[in-house]
């Protein structure tokens, strides 16, 4: 299954250290570039966790298109 992830789930899962849960249930997780920028704008460790996760094989950063 392929999913597109929003900012809130990424931040909340990072706060409870469960970001890896996404890769267990999804074949591909797409994170729009604007979502990553929003995550990076918030203070805390969550942005670092998301960036590390993007290096995983089934996580992709994409630019949103119309």
N, C-alpha and C. Protein backbone atom coordinates (compact mmCIF):
# COMPACT_ATOMS: atom_id res chain seq x y z
N UNK A 1 0.84 -1.16 0.00
CA UNK A 1 0.00 0.00 0.00
C UNK A 1 0.89 1.24 0.00
N UNK A 2 0.51 2.23 -0.75
CA UNK A 2 1.23 3.50 -0.83
C UNK A 2 0.39 4.56 -0.11
N UNK A 3 1.04 5.35 0.75
CA UNK A 3 0.34 6.41 1.47
C UNK A 3 1.11 7.72 1.34
N UNK A 4 0.37 8.81 1.45
CA UNK A 4 0.96 10.15 1.51
C UNK A 4 0.73 10.64 2.93
N UNK A 5 1.79 11.07 3.58
CA UNK A 5 1.71 11.42 5.00
C UNK A 5 1.69 12.93 5.20
N UNK A 6 0.87 13.34 6.12
CA UNK A 6 0.70 14.73 6.50
C UNK A 6 1.65 15.06 7.65
N UNK A 7 1.75 16.32 8.01
CA UNK A 7 2.65 16.78 9.06
C UNK A 7 2.29 16.23 10.44
N UNK A 8 1.05 16.34 10.83
CA UNK A 8 0.64 15.95 12.18
C UNK A 8 0.97 14.50 12.52
N UNK A 9 0.63 13.53 11.66
CA UNK A 9 0.99 12.15 12.00
C UNK A 9 2.50 11.95 12.13
N UNK A 10 3.28 12.61 11.28
CA UNK A 10 4.73 12.48 11.37
C UNK A 10 5.25 13.00 12.71
N UNK A 11 4.79 14.17 13.11
CA UNK A 11 5.25 14.76 14.36
C UNK A 11 4.82 13.92 15.55
N UNK A 12 3.56 13.50 15.55
CA UNK A 12 3.06 12.73 16.69
C UNK A 12 3.74 11.37 16.80
N UNK A 13 3.93 10.69 15.68
CA UNK A 13 4.62 9.40 15.72
C UNK A 13 6.09 9.57 16.14
N UNK A 14 6.70 10.66 15.71
CA UNK A 14 8.09 10.92 16.12
C UNK A 14 8.17 11.19 17.62
N UNK A 15 7.21 11.90 18.16
CA UNK A 15 7.21 12.21 19.60
C UNK A 15 7.16 10.95 20.45
N UNK A 16 6.44 9.93 19.98
CA UNK A 16 6.34 8.70 20.76
C UNK A 16 7.29 7.61 20.24
N UNK A 17 8.19 8.03 19.33
CA UNK A 17 9.22 7.13 18.77
C UNK A 17 8.62 5.93 18.04
N UNK A 18 7.58 6.18 17.28
CA UNK A 18 6.91 5.12 16.51
C UNK A 18 6.90 5.40 15.01
N UNK A 19 7.79 6.21 14.51
CA UNK A 19 7.81 6.49 13.07
C UNK A 19 8.02 5.22 12.25
N UNK A 20 8.75 4.29 12.78
CA UNK A 20 8.99 3.04 12.07
C UNK A 20 7.73 2.24 11.83
N UNK A 21 6.69 2.55 12.56
CA UNK A 21 5.41 1.87 12.39
C UNK A 21 4.87 2.04 10.97
N UNK A 22 5.11 3.21 10.39
CA UNK A 22 4.64 3.46 9.03
C UNK A 22 5.24 2.46 8.04
N UNK A 23 6.50 2.18 8.18
CA UNK A 23 7.15 1.27 7.23
C UNK A 23 6.71 -0.17 7.44
N UNK A 24 6.20 -0.49 8.61
CA UNK A 24 5.71 -1.85 8.85
C UNK A 24 4.38 -2.11 8.16
N UNK A 25 3.58 -1.07 7.98
CA UNK A 25 2.25 -1.24 7.41
C UNK A 25 2.12 -0.75 5.97
N UNK A 26 3.12 -0.02 5.47
CA UNK A 26 3.01 0.58 4.14
C UNK A 26 4.22 0.19 3.30
N UNK A 27 3.96 -0.11 2.03
CA UNK A 27 5.06 -0.42 1.11
C UNK A 27 5.85 0.82 0.74
N UNK A 28 5.14 1.94 0.63
CA UNK A 28 5.79 3.21 0.27
C UNK A 28 5.09 4.34 1.00
N UNK A 29 5.87 5.20 1.63
CA UNK A 29 5.34 6.37 2.32
C UNK A 29 5.90 7.60 1.61
N UNK A 30 5.00 8.40 1.07
CA UNK A 30 5.38 9.62 0.36
C UNK A 30 5.19 10.81 1.29
N UNK A 31 6.24 11.60 1.41
CA UNK A 31 6.19 12.80 2.23
C UNK A 31 6.40 13.99 1.30
N UNK A 32 5.37 14.82 1.13
CA UNK A 32 5.54 16.00 0.28
C UNK A 32 6.61 16.94 0.85
N UNK A 33 7.35 17.60 -0.02
CA UNK A 33 8.42 18.50 0.40
C UNK A 33 7.88 19.59 1.33
N UNK A 34 6.68 20.08 1.07
CA UNK A 34 6.09 21.11 1.93
C UNK A 34 5.83 20.58 3.34
N UNK A 35 5.51 19.31 3.46
CA UNK A 35 5.30 18.69 4.77
C UNK A 35 6.64 18.62 5.51
N UNK A 36 7.69 18.23 4.83
CA UNK A 36 9.01 18.18 5.46
C UNK A 36 9.43 19.57 5.95
N UNK A 37 9.18 20.58 5.15
CA UNK A 37 9.53 21.95 5.57
C UNK A 37 8.75 22.35 6.82
N UNK A 38 7.49 21.96 6.88
CA UNK A 38 6.67 22.27 8.05
C UNK A 38 7.18 21.53 9.29
N UNK A 39 7.59 20.29 9.13
CA UNK A 39 8.14 19.52 10.24
C UNK A 39 9.44 20.16 10.72
N UNK A 40 10.28 20.57 9.79
CA UNK A 40 11.57 21.17 10.13
C UNK A 40 11.41 22.52 10.83
N UNK A 41 10.28 23.20 10.61
CA UNK A 41 10.05 24.51 11.21
C UNK A 41 9.70 24.40 12.70
N UNK A 42 9.30 23.23 13.14
CA UNK A 42 8.93 23.02 14.55
C UNK A 42 10.18 22.68 15.36
N UNK A 43 10.30 23.23 16.56
CA UNK A 43 11.46 22.90 17.39
C UNK A 43 11.36 21.47 17.92
N UNK A 44 12.49 20.83 18.11
CA UNK A 44 12.49 19.48 18.68
C UNK A 44 13.22 18.47 17.81
N UNK A 45 13.22 17.24 18.29
CA UNK A 45 13.92 16.14 17.63
C UNK A 45 13.14 15.54 16.47
N UNK A 46 11.88 15.87 16.34
CA UNK A 46 11.03 15.23 15.34
C UNK A 46 11.56 15.40 13.93
N UNK A 47 12.06 16.58 13.60
CA UNK A 47 12.58 16.83 12.25
C UNK A 47 13.76 15.92 11.95
N UNK A 48 14.63 15.74 12.91
CA UNK A 48 15.78 14.86 12.71
C UNK A 48 15.33 13.42 12.49
N UNK A 49 14.34 12.98 13.25
CA UNK A 49 13.83 11.62 13.11
C UNK A 49 13.21 11.41 11.73
N UNK A 50 12.47 12.40 11.26
CA UNK A 50 11.84 12.29 9.93
C UNK A 50 12.91 12.26 8.85
N UNK A 51 13.94 13.09 8.96
CA UNK A 51 14.99 13.11 7.96
C UNK A 51 15.76 11.80 7.93
N UNK A 52 15.98 11.20 9.06
CA UNK A 52 16.63 9.89 9.11
C UNK A 52 15.74 8.85 8.44
N UNK A 53 14.44 8.94 8.70
CA UNK A 53 13.49 8.00 8.12
C UNK A 53 13.45 8.12 6.60
N UNK A 54 13.65 9.32 6.08
CA UNK A 54 13.63 9.52 4.62
C UNK A 54 14.76 8.78 3.93
N UNK A 55 15.77 8.41 4.65
CA UNK A 55 16.86 7.65 4.07
C UNK A 55 16.49 6.18 3.92
N UNK A 56 15.39 5.79 4.52
CA UNK A 56 14.91 4.42 4.43
C UNK A 56 14.43 4.13 3.01
N UNK A 57 14.46 2.90 2.66
CA UNK A 57 14.14 2.48 1.30
C UNK A 57 12.70 2.77 0.89
N UNK A 58 11.75 2.67 1.80
CA UNK A 58 10.35 2.83 1.38
C UNK A 58 9.76 4.21 1.70
N UNK A 59 10.60 5.17 2.07
CA UNK A 59 10.12 6.54 2.29
C UNK A 59 10.63 7.41 1.15
N UNK A 60 9.75 8.25 0.63
CA UNK A 60 10.11 9.11 -0.52
C UNK A 60 9.70 10.54 -0.24
N UNK A 61 10.55 11.47 -0.61
CA UNK A 61 10.24 12.88 -0.55
C UNK A 61 9.83 13.31 -1.95
N UNK A 62 8.68 13.94 -2.08
CA UNK A 62 8.18 14.34 -3.40
C UNK A 62 7.72 15.79 -3.36
N UNK A 63 7.86 16.45 -4.46
CA UNK A 63 7.32 17.78 -4.62
C UNK A 63 5.86 17.63 -5.07
N UNK A 64 4.97 18.34 -4.40
CA UNK A 64 3.56 18.25 -4.75
C UNK A 64 3.32 18.90 -6.10
N UNK A 65 2.47 18.27 -6.90
CA UNK A 65 2.12 18.82 -8.21
C UNK A 65 0.63 19.09 -8.26
N UNK A 66 0.26 19.93 -9.18
CA UNK A 66 -1.17 20.28 -9.32
C UNK A 66 -1.92 19.22 -10.04
